[in-house]
C-alpha atoms as a PDB file:
ATOM      1  CA  UNK A   1     -33.759 -11.095 -17.210  1.00  0.00           C
ATOM      2  CA  UNK A   2     -32.877 -14.349 -18.935  1.00  0.00           C
ATOM      3  CA  UNK A   3     -30.009 -16.383 -17.715  1.00  0.00           C
ATOM      4  CA  UNK A   4     -26.511 -15.740 -19.242  1.00  0.00           C
ATOM      5  CA  UNK A   5     -24.751 -18.446 -21.131  1.00  0.00           C
ATOM      6  CA  UNK A   6     -21.664 -18.750 -19.003  1.00  0.00           C
ATOM      7  CA  UNK A   7     -19.318 -21.029 -20.975  1.00  0.00           C
ATOM      8  CA  UNK A   8     -19.427 -22.588 -24.422  1.00  0.00           C
ATOM      9  CA  UNK A   9     -17.836 -25.904 -23.460  1.00  0.00           C
ATOM     10  CA  UNK A  10     -20.355 -26.414 -20.638  1.00  0.00           C
ATOM     11  CA  UNK A  11     -23.204 -25.579 -22.981  1.00  0.00           C
ATOM     12  CA  UNK A  12     -22.018 -28.058 -25.542  1.00  0.00           C
ATOM     13  CA  UNK A  13     -21.806 -30.697 -22.817  1.00  0.00           C
ATOM     14  CA  UNK A  14     -25.281 -29.885 -21.753  1.00  0.00           C
ATOM     15  CA  UNK A  15     -26.635 -30.092 -25.221  1.00  0.00           C
ATOM     16  CA  UNK A  16     -24.872 -33.367 -25.869  1.00  0.00           C
ATOM     17  CA  UNK A  17     -26.158 -34.784 -22.568  1.00  0.00           C
ATOM     18  CA  UNK A  18     -29.663 -33.806 -23.560  1.00  0.00           C
ATOM     19  CA  UNK A  19     -29.443 -35.952 -26.642  1.00  0.00           C
ATOM     20  CA  UNK A  20     -27.966 -38.797 -24.616  1.00  0.00           C
ATOM     21  CA  UNK A  21     -30.994 -38.752 -22.315  1.00  0.00           C
ATOM     22  CA  UNK A  22     -33.465 -38.764 -25.178  1.00  0.00           C
ATOM     23  CA  UNK A  23     -31.906 -41.837 -26.765  1.00  0.00           C
ATOM     24  CA  UNK A  24     -29.244 -44.044 -25.195  1.00  0.00           C
ATOM     25  CA  UNK A  25     -25.554 -43.365 -26.039  1.00  0.00           C
ATOM     26  CA  UNK A  26     -25.997 -40.928 -28.811  1.00  0.00           C
ATOM     27  CA  UNK A  27     -22.701 -39.145 -29.725  1.00  0.00           C
ATOM     28  CA  UNK A  28     -23.336 -35.892 -31.567  1.00  0.00           C
ATOM     29  CA  UNK A  29     -21.346 -35.579 -34.730  1.00  0.00           C
ATOM     30  CA  UNK A  30     -18.528 -33.027 -35.036  1.00  0.00           C
ATOM     31  CA  UNK A  31     -20.416 -30.992 -37.569  1.00  0.00           C
ATOM     32  CA  UNK A  32     -23.384 -30.672 -35.180  1.00  0.00           C
ATOM     33  CA  UNK A  33     -21.120 -29.328 -32.406  1.00  0.00           C
ATOM     34  CA  UNK A  34     -19.331 -26.919 -34.691  1.00  0.00           C
ATOM     35  CA  UNK A  35     -22.684 -25.507 -35.950  1.00  0.00           C
ATOM     36  CA  UNK A  36     -23.637 -24.704 -32.322  1.00  0.00           C
ATOM     37  CA  UNK A  37     -20.320 -23.144 -31.657  1.00  0.00           C
ATOM     38  CA  UNK A  38     -20.785 -20.906 -34.652  1.00  0.00           C
ATOM     39  CA  UNK A  39     -24.343 -20.025 -33.638  1.00  0.00           C
ATOM     40  CA  UNK A  40     -23.464 -19.186 -29.954  1.00  0.00           C
ATOM     41  CA  UNK A  41     -20.340 -17.219 -30.834  1.00  0.00           C
ATOM     42  CA  UNK A  42     -21.823 -15.199 -33.694  1.00  0.00           C
ATOM     43  CA  UNK A  43     -21.348 -11.448 -33.550  1.00  0.00           C
ATOM     44  CA  UNK A  44     -25.056 -10.748 -33.333  1.00  0.00           C
ATOM     45  CA  UNK A  45     -25.122 -12.527 -29.949  1.00  0.00           C
ATOM     46  CA  UNK A  46     -23.110  -9.579 -28.619  1.00  0.00           C
ATOM     47  CA  UNK A  47     -20.983 -11.770 -26.299  1.00  0.00           C
ATOM     48  CA  UNK A  48     -24.096 -13.022 -24.524  1.00  0.00           C
ATOM     49  CA  UNK A  49     -23.731 -10.510 -21.795  1.00  0.00           C
ATOM     50  CA  UNK A  50     -26.402 -10.483 -19.111  1.00  0.00           C
ATOM     51  CA  UNK A  51     -29.553  -8.474 -20.031  1.00  0.00           C
ATOM     52  CA  UNK A  52     -28.637  -8.017 -23.714  1.00  0.00           C
ATOM     53  CA  UNK A  53     -30.735  -9.123 -26.679  1.00  0.00           C
ATOM     54  CA  UNK A  54     -27.929 -11.359 -27.644  1.00  0.00           C
ATOM     55  CA  UNK A  55     -28.144 -13.300 -24.392  1.00  0.00           C
ATOM     56  CA  UNK A  56     -31.856 -13.754 -24.887  1.00  0.00           C
ATOM     57  CA  UNK A  57     -31.315 -15.068 -28.419  1.00  0.00           C
ATOM     58  CA  UNK A  58     -28.744 -17.499 -27.176  1.00  0.00           C
ATOM     59  CA  UNK A  59     -31.043 -18.725 -24.454  1.00  0.00           C
ATOM     60  CA  UNK A  60     -33.898 -19.258 -26.897  1.00  0.00           C
ATOM     61  CA  UNK A  61     -31.639 -21.213 -29.281  1.00  0.00           C
ATOM     62  CA  UNK A  62     -30.651 -23.546 -26.413  1.00  0.00           C
ATOM     63  CA  UNK A  63     -34.196 -23.922 -25.341  1.00  0.00           C
ATOM     64  CA  UNK A  64     -35.148 -25.022 -28.911  1.00  0.00           C
ATOM     65  CA  UNK A  65     -32.302 -27.602 -28.923  1.00  0.00           C
ATOM     66  CA  UNK A  66     -33.547 -28.945 -25.536  1.00  0.00           C
ATOM     67  CA  UNK A  67     -37.102 -29.184 -26.946  1.00  0.00           C
ATOM     68  CA  UNK A  68     -35.931 -31.011 -30.087  1.00  0.00           C
ATOM     69  CA  UNK A  69     -33.940 -33.442 -27.930  1.00  0.00           C
ATOM     70  CA  UNK A  70     -37.137 -34.340 -26.092  1.00  0.00           C
ATOM     71  CA  UNK A  71     -36.141 -32.989 -22.763  1.00  0.00           C
ATOM     72  CA  UNK A  72     -38.914 -32.144 -20.259  1.00  0.00           C
ATOM     73  CA  UNK A  73     -39.041 -28.443 -19.444  1.00  0.00           C
ATOM     74  CA  UNK A  74     -38.102 -27.456 -15.909  1.00  0.00           C
ATOM     75  CA  UNK A  75     -38.088 -23.736 -16.029  1.00  0.00           C
ATOM     76  CA  UNK A  76     -40.506 -20.883 -15.356  1.00  0.00           C
ATOM     77  CA  UNK A  77     -44.147 -21.602 -16.146  1.00  0.00           C
ATOM     78  CA  UNK A  78     -43.292 -24.930 -17.754  1.00  0.00           C
ATOM     79  CA  UNK A  79     -40.707 -23.495 -20.151  1.00  0.00           C
ATOM     80  CA  UNK A  80     -37.046 -24.244 -20.723  1.00  0.00           C
ATOM     81  CA  UNK A  81     -36.037 -20.751 -19.403  1.00  0.00           C
ATOM     82  CA  UNK A  82     -35.514 -19.607 -15.847  1.00  0.00           C
ATOM     83  CA  UNK A  83     -35.228 -15.875 -14.935  1.00  0.00           C
ATOM     84  CA  UNK A  84     -32.807 -14.650 -12.192  1.00  0.00           C
ATOM     85  CA  UNK A  85     -31.197 -11.349 -11.283  1.00  0.00           C
ATOM     86  CA  UNK A  86     -27.600 -10.623 -12.229  1.00  0.00           C
ATOM     87  CA  UNK A  87     -25.771  -7.339 -11.290  1.00  0.00           C
ATOM     88  CA  UNK A  88     -24.719  -5.792 -14.596  1.00  0.00           C
ATOM     89  CA  UNK A  89     -23.147  -2.563 -13.402  1.00  0.00           C
ATOM     90  CA  UNK A  90     -21.039  -0.985 -10.697  1.00  0.00           C
ATOM     91  CA  UNK A  91     -21.102   2.608  -9.573  1.00  0.00           C
ATOM     92  CA  UNK A  92     -19.258   4.607  -6.903  1.00  0.00           C
ATOM     93  CA  UNK A  93     -20.810   4.964  -3.501  1.00  0.00           C
ATOM     94  CA  UNK A  94     -21.603   8.366  -1.964  1.00  0.00           C
ATOM     95  CA  UNK A  95     -18.240   8.711  -0.199  1.00  0.00           C
ATOM     96  CA  UNK A  96     -14.948   7.731  -1.741  1.00  0.00           C
ATOM     97  CA  UNK A  97     -11.805   9.262  -0.181  1.00  0.00           C
ATOM     98  CA  UNK A  98      -8.100   8.561  -0.125  1.00  0.00           C
ATOM     99  CA  UNK A  99      -5.854  10.720   1.992  1.00  0.00           C
ATOM    100  CA  UNK A 100      -2.100  10.618   2.475  1.00  0.00           C
ATOM    101  CA  UNK A 101      -1.563  11.525   6.088  1.00  0.00           C
ATOM    102  CA  UNK A 102       2.202  11.415   6.423  1.00  0.00           C
ATOM    103  CA  UNK A 103       4.647  12.899   5.763  1.00  0.00           C
ATOM    104  CA  UNK A 104       2.571  15.590   4.083  1.00  0.00           C
ATOM    105  CA  UNK A 105      -1.221  15.471   4.454  1.00  0.00           C
ATOM    106  CA  UNK A 106      -3.005  15.666   1.126  1.00  0.00           C
ATOM    107  CA  UNK A 107      -6.404  14.376  -0.031  1.00  0.00           C
ATOM    108  CA  UNK A 108      -6.529  12.776  -3.447  1.00  0.00           C
ATOM    109  CA  UNK A 109      -9.241  13.165  -6.044  1.00  0.00           C
ATOM    110  CA  UNK A 110     -11.358  10.234  -7.080  1.00  0.00           C
ATOM    111  CA  UNK A 111     -11.311   9.628 -10.783  1.00  0.00           C
ATOM    112  CA  UNK A 112      -8.120  11.594 -11.274  1.00  0.00           C
ATOM    113  CA  UNK A 113      -5.706  10.315  -8.634  1.00  0.00           C
ATOM    114  CA  UNK A 114      -7.401   6.995  -7.654  1.00  0.00           C
ATOM    115  CA  UNK A 115     -10.450   4.886  -8.204  1.00  0.00           C
ATOM    116  CA  UNK A 116     -11.889   2.094  -5.972  1.00  0.00           C
ATOM    117  CA  UNK A 117     -11.913  -1.344  -7.668  1.00  0.00           C
ATOM    118  CA  UNK A 118     -15.251  -3.120  -8.066  1.00  0.00           C
ATOM    119  CA  UNK A 119     -14.159  -5.947  -5.834  1.00  0.00           C
ATOM    120  CA  UNK A 120     -13.293  -3.593  -2.927  1.00  0.00           C
ATOM    121  CA  UNK A 121     -15.002  -4.035   0.391  1.00  0.00           C
ATOM    122  CA  UNK A 122     -16.714  -0.903   1.719  1.00  0.00           C
ATOM    123  CA  UNK A 123     -15.046   0.461   4.825  1.00  0.00           C
ATOM    124  CA  UNK A 124     -12.534   2.707   6.414  1.00  0.00           C
ATOM    125  CA  UNK A 125      -8.909   2.002   7.090  1.00  0.00           C
ATOM    126  CA  UNK A 126      -5.866   3.898   8.177  1.00  0.00           C
ATOM    127  CA  UNK A 127      -2.409   2.338   8.366  1.00  0.00           C
ATOM    128  CA  UNK A 128       1.308   2.282   7.615  1.00  0.00           C
ATOM    129  CA  UNK A 129       2.340   1.587   4.054  1.00  0.00           C
ATOM    130  CA  UNK A 130       4.423  -1.309   2.788  1.00  0.00           C
ATOM    131  CA  UNK A 131       5.718  -1.422  -0.822  1.00  0.00           C
ATOM    132  CA  UNK A 132       5.422  -5.102  -1.956  1.00  0.00           C
ATOM    133  CA  UNK A 133       6.823  -4.903  -5.480  1.00  0.00           C
ATOM    134  CA  UNK A 134       4.642  -6.924  -7.855  1.00  0.00           C
ATOM    135  CA  UNK A 135       2.580  -8.321  -4.969  1.00  0.00           C
ATOM    136  CA  UNK A 136       3.318 -11.886  -6.128  1.00  0.00           C
ATOM    137  CA  UNK A 137       3.828 -15.027  -4.050  1.00  0.00           C
ATOM    138  CA  UNK A 138       4.978 -17.848  -6.394  1.00  0.00           C
ATOM    139  CA  UNK A 139       6.378 -20.813  -4.421  1.00  0.00           C
ATOM    140  CA  UNK A 140       6.869 -22.817  -7.584  1.00  0.00           C
ATOM    141  CA  UNK A 141       9.131 -20.117  -8.947  1.00  0.00           C
ATOM    142  CA  UNK A 142      10.888 -19.516  -5.551  1.00  0.00           C
ATOM    143  CA  UNK A 143       9.696 -15.891  -5.550  1.00  0.00           C
ATOM    144  CA  UNK A 144       7.759 -14.085  -2.795  1.00  0.00           C
ATOM    145  CA  UNK A 145       7.287 -10.340  -2.648  1.00  0.00           C
ATOM    146  CA  UNK A 146       5.920 -10.801   0.853  1.00  0.00           C
ATOM    147  CA  UNK A 147       8.988 -12.602   2.251  1.00  0.00           C
ATOM    148  CA  UNK A 148      10.676 -10.664   5.086  1.00  0.00           C
ATOM    149  CA  UNK A 149       7.977  -7.938   5.427  1.00  0.00           C
ATOM    150  CA  UNK A 150       5.164  -7.649   7.900  1.00  0.00           C
ATOM    151  CA  UNK A 151       2.014  -6.325   6.151  1.00  0.00           C
ATOM    152  CA  UNK A 152      -0.553  -7.334   8.787  1.00  0.00           C
ATOM    153  CA  UNK A 153      -3.139  -4.588   9.265  1.00  0.00           C
ATOM    154  CA  UNK A 154      -1.174  -2.377   6.884  1.00  0.00           C
ATOM    155  CA  UNK A 155      -1.779  -0.878   3.381  1.00  0.00           C
ATOM    156  CA  UNK A 156       0.286  -2.323   0.597  1.00  0.00           C
ATOM    157  CA  UNK A 157       1.308  -0.795  -2.710  1.00  0.00           C
ATOM    158  CA  UNK A 158       1.834  -3.228  -5.583  1.00  0.00           C
ATOM    159  CA  UNK A 159       2.685  -2.811  -9.278  1.00  0.00           C
ATOM    160  CA  UNK A 160       0.851  -4.404 -12.143  1.00  0.00           C
ATOM    161  CA  UNK A 161       2.596  -6.982 -14.430  1.00  0.00           C
ATOM    162  CA  UNK A 162       5.312  -9.377 -13.236  1.00  0.00           C
ATOM    163  CA  UNK A 163       9.097  -9.396 -13.054  1.00  0.00           C
ATOM    164  CA  UNK A 164      10.932  -9.147 -16.424  1.00  0.00           C
ATOM    165  CA  UNK A 165       7.586  -8.923 -18.215  1.00  0.00           C
ATOM    166  CA  UNK A 166       9.234  -8.265 -21.584  1.00  0.00           C
ATOM    167  CA  UNK A 167      11.880 -11.030 -21.268  1.00  0.00           C
ATOM    168  CA  UNK A 168      10.665 -14.255 -23.028  1.00  0.00           C
ATOM    169  CA  UNK A 169      13.119 -16.197 -20.831  1.00  0.00           C
ATOM    170  CA  UNK A 170      11.561 -14.892 -17.598  1.00  0.00           C
ATOM    171  CA  UNK A 171      10.042 -17.809 -15.563  1.00  0.00           C
ATOM    172  CA  UNK A 172       6.918 -15.632 -15.182  1.00  0.00           C
ATOM    173  CA  UNK A 173       6.408 -15.922 -18.959  1.00  0.00           C
ATOM    174  CA  UNK A 174       5.679 -19.649 -18.757  1.00  0.00           C
ATOM    175  CA  UNK A 175       2.033 -20.368 -19.526  1.00  0.00           C
ATOM    176  CA  UNK A 176       1.461 -21.950 -16.119  1.00  0.00           C
ATOM    177  CA  UNK A 177       2.717 -18.769 -14.409  1.00  0.00           C
ATOM    178  CA  UNK A 178       0.703 -16.112 -16.260  1.00  0.00           C
ATOM    179  CA  UNK A 179      -1.867 -15.963 -13.474  1.00  0.00           C
ATOM    180  CA  UNK A 180       0.611 -14.325 -11.132  1.00  0.00           C
ATOM    181  CA  UNK A 181       0.344 -11.030 -12.960  1.00  0.00           C
ATOM    182  CA  UNK A 182      -3.476 -10.978 -12.699  1.00  0.00           C
ATOM    183  CA  UNK A 183      -5.195  -8.453 -10.486  1.00  0.00           C
ATOM    184  CA  UNK A 184      -7.009 -11.339  -8.708  1.00  0.00           C
ATOM    185  CA  UNK A 185      -3.812 -12.884  -7.523  1.00  0.00           C
ATOM    186  CA  UNK A 186      -2.420  -9.616  -6.245  1.00  0.00           C
ATOM    187  CA  UNK A 187      -5.568  -8.642  -4.294  1.00  0.00           C
ATOM    188  CA  UNK A 188      -6.250 -12.105  -2.766  1.00  0.00           C
ATOM    189  CA  UNK A 189      -2.538 -12.534  -2.007  1.00  0.00           C
ATOM    190  CA  UNK A 190      -2.521  -9.275  -0.102  1.00  0.00           C
ATOM    191  CA  UNK A 191      -5.554 -10.293   1.843  1.00  0.00           C
ATOM    192  CA  UNK A 192      -4.060 -13.692   2.691  1.00  0.00           C
ATOM    193  CA  UNK A 193      -1.052 -12.032   4.070  1.00  0.00           C
ATOM    194  CA  UNK A 194      -3.144  -9.966   6.478  1.00  0.00           C
ATOM    195  CA  UNK A 195      -3.097  -6.573   4.687  1.00  0.00           C
ATOM    196  CA  UNK A 196      -6.059  -4.277   5.289  1.00  0.00           C
ATOM    197  CA  UNK A 197      -5.960  -2.655   1.907  1.00  0.00           C
ATOM    198  CA  UNK A 198      -4.069  -2.708  -1.424  1.00  0.00           C
ATOM    199  CA  UNK A 199      -3.276   0.076  -3.842  1.00  0.00           C
ATOM    200  CA  UNK A 200      -2.393  -1.069  -7.349  1.00  0.00           C
ATOM    201  CA  UNK A 201      -0.293   1.093  -9.605  1.00  0.00           C
ATOM    202  CA  UNK A 202       0.568   0.783 -13.326  1.00  0.00           C
ATOM    203  CA  UNK A 203       4.056  -0.517 -13.897  1.00  0.00           C
ATOM    204  CA  UNK A 204       6.473   2.362 -14.777  1.00  0.00           C
ATOM    205  CA  UNK A 205       7.271   0.713 -18.107  1.00  0.00           C
ATOM    206  CA  UNK A 206       3.614   0.461 -19.096  1.00  0.00           C
ATOM    207  CA  UNK A 207       2.574   2.550 -22.106  1.00  0.00           C
ATOM    208  CA  UNK A 208      -0.147   4.343 -20.270  1.00  0.00           C
ATOM    209  CA  UNK A 209      -0.900   5.367 -16.696  1.00  0.00           C
ATOM    210  CA  UNK A 210      -4.685   5.210 -16.790  1.00  0.00           C
ATOM    211  CA  UNK A 211      -7.071   4.304 -13.973  1.00  0.00           C
ATOM    212  CA  UNK A 212      -9.138   1.243 -14.685  1.00  0.00           C
ATOM    213  CA  UNK A 213     -12.801   1.536 -15.452  1.00  0.00           C
ATOM    214  CA  UNK A 214     -15.147   0.674 -12.626  1.00  0.00           C
ATOM    215  CA  UNK A 215     -16.531  -2.545 -13.981  1.00  0.00           C
ATOM    216  CA  UNK A 216     -16.320  -6.328 -13.655  1.00  0.00           C
ATOM    217  CA  UNK A 217     -17.186  -8.651 -10.724  1.00  0.00           C
ATOM    218  CA  UNK A 218     -18.713  -6.593  -7.895  1.00  0.00           C
ATOM    219  CA  UNK A 219     -18.674  -9.295  -5.232  1.00  0.00           C
ATOM    220  CA  UNK A 220     -16.331  -7.944  -2.437  1.00  0.00           C
ATOM    221  CA  UNK A 221     -13.144  -9.925  -1.853  1.00  0.00           C
ATOM    222  CA  UNK A 222     -12.701  -9.107   1.852  1.00  0.00           C
ATOM    223  CA  UNK A 223     -10.447  -6.051   1.753  1.00  0.00           C
ATOM    224  CA  UNK A 224     -10.192  -2.474   0.445  1.00  0.00           C
ATOM    225  CA  UNK A 225      -8.776  -2.219  -2.987  1.00  0.00           C
ATOM    226  CA  UNK A 226      -8.119   0.734  -5.266  1.00  0.00           C
ATOM    227  CA  UNK A 227      -5.925   1.783  -8.147  1.00  0.00           C
ATOM    228  CA  UNK A 228      -3.749   4.908  -7.979  1.00  0.00           C
ATOM    229  CA  UNK A 229      -1.742   6.803 -10.585  1.00  0.00           C
ATOM    230  CA  UNK A 230       1.972   6.572 -10.801  1.00  0.00           C
ATOM    231  CA  UNK A 231       2.516  10.085  -9.569  1.00  0.00           C
ATOM    232  CA  UNK A 232       0.560   9.267  -6.414  1.00  0.00           C
ATOM    233  CA  UNK A 233       2.587   6.090  -5.861  1.00  0.00           C
ATOM    234  CA  UNK A 234       5.870   7.939  -6.578  1.00  0.00           C
ATOM    235  CA  UNK A 235       4.942  10.631  -4.044  1.00  0.00           C
ATOM    236  CA  UNK A 236       4.413   7.954  -1.378  1.00  0.00           C
ATOM    237  CA  UNK A 237       7.694   6.177  -2.094  1.00  0.00           C
ATOM    238  CA  UNK A 238       9.569   9.409  -2.300  1.00  0.00           C
ATOM    239  CA  UNK A 239       9.295   9.755   1.432  1.00  0.00           C
ATOM    240  CA  UNK A 240      11.632   6.754   1.713  1.00  0.00           C
ATOM    241  CA  UNK A 241      13.903   7.956  -1.054  1.00  0.00           C
ATOM    242  CA  UNK A 242      12.512   5.503  -3.584  1.00  0.00           C
ATOM    243  CA  UNK A 243      10.615   5.613  -6.921  1.00  0.00           C
ATOM    244  CA  UNK A 244       8.581   3.079  -8.774  1.00  0.00           C
ATOM    245  CA  UNK A 245      11.181   3.075 -11.569  1.00  0.00           C
ATOM    246  CA  UNK A 246      14.149   2.245  -9.437  1.00  0.00           C
ATOM    247  CA  UNK A 247      12.256  -0.380  -7.507  1.00  0.00           C
ATOM    248  CA  UNK A 248      10.989  -2.065 -10.665  1.00  0.00           C
ATOM    249  CA  UNK A 249      14.517  -1.985 -12.195  1.00  0.00           C
ATOM    250  CA  UNK A 250      16.057  -3.421  -9.073  1.00  0.00           C
ATOM    251  CA  UNK A 251      13.564  -6.326  -8.897  1.00  0.00           C
ATOM    252  CA  UNK A 252      13.947  -7.170 -12.579  1.00  0.00           C
ATOM    253  CA  UNK A 253      17.733  -6.925 -12.467  1.00  0.00           C
ATOM    254  CA  UNK A 254      18.083  -9.437  -9.642  1.00  0.00           C
ATOM    255  CA  UNK A 255      14.793 -11.334 -10.205  1.00  0.00           C
ATOM    256  CA  UNK A 256      14.396 -10.871  -6.404  1.00  0.00           C
ATOM    257  CA  UNK A 257      11.882  -8.921  -4.288  1.00  0.00           C
ATOM    258  CA  UNK A 258      12.730  -5.427  -3.083  1.00  0.00           C
ATOM    259  CA  UNK A 259       9.846  -4.987  -0.612  1.00  0.00           C
ATOM    260  CA  UNK A 260      10.068  -2.668   2.299  1.00  0.00           C
ATOM    261  CA  UNK A 261       7.985  -0.791   4.857  1.00  0.00           C
ATOM    262  CA  UNK A 262       7.836   2.889   3.862  1.00  0.00           C
ATOM    263  CA  UNK A 263       8.748   4.275   7.378  1.00  0.00           C
ATOM    264  CA  UNK A 264       7.001   7.476   8.283  1.00  0.00           C
ATOM    265  CA  UNK A 265       4.343   7.068   5.612  1.00  0.00           C
ATOM    266  CA  UNK A 266       0.708   6.622   6.547  1.00  0.00           C
ATOM    267  CA  UNK A 267      -2.497   6.559   4.525  1.00  0.00           C
END
């Protein structure tokens, strides 16, 4: 498998550096850079995903530029290319179960009620459940869904999106705050607070309640992680007399966390 082109700006720097090595202090003209941007972002390169013909075509193009720049090859068999393995797919393991133990035992169905996330660690965990709102800790915005709740060794449920997602005046709509709504922040934040597992659920105001496809980075992030449907999350919150809709509305109204341990609920 040929190497994937990971970022256009870095490639352009590499190409420019190649010319600089061949002849001292050569600054590529803007038209030259734009031409390579067009070539490497062309539709027929198919996004340069690993293992695709488009990635191979992009790699060959860059190799030609290196050769024209006079760089000495340092790849496989004296070429400008170096092969390495890249995982390009994720699939479910042989056993994937999620069971609500209390207050009413029931086993959920993978693919219908829940799905493991690609970054989930393999393992087994049983624990009490804590609802952590949006799962966000944002010191710069004076907002923390984990303030006042103990989630160590517990299972947390967090919603997608961020407070007041449709309000342009919300502090979370600032460009420097967008990352708080990302799945990465929510999962790593739960791990950093000591949770054993996180269940992500689509916000009640989202247009669709669909489970995410099993794809993306497959390197485990150090905790169990799965997505569940809204009916599953609502059934867990119902034991505490709550619902996703009322929790989301309360958070957005006050722009303040409404996190709480769901007493008597265990997964």
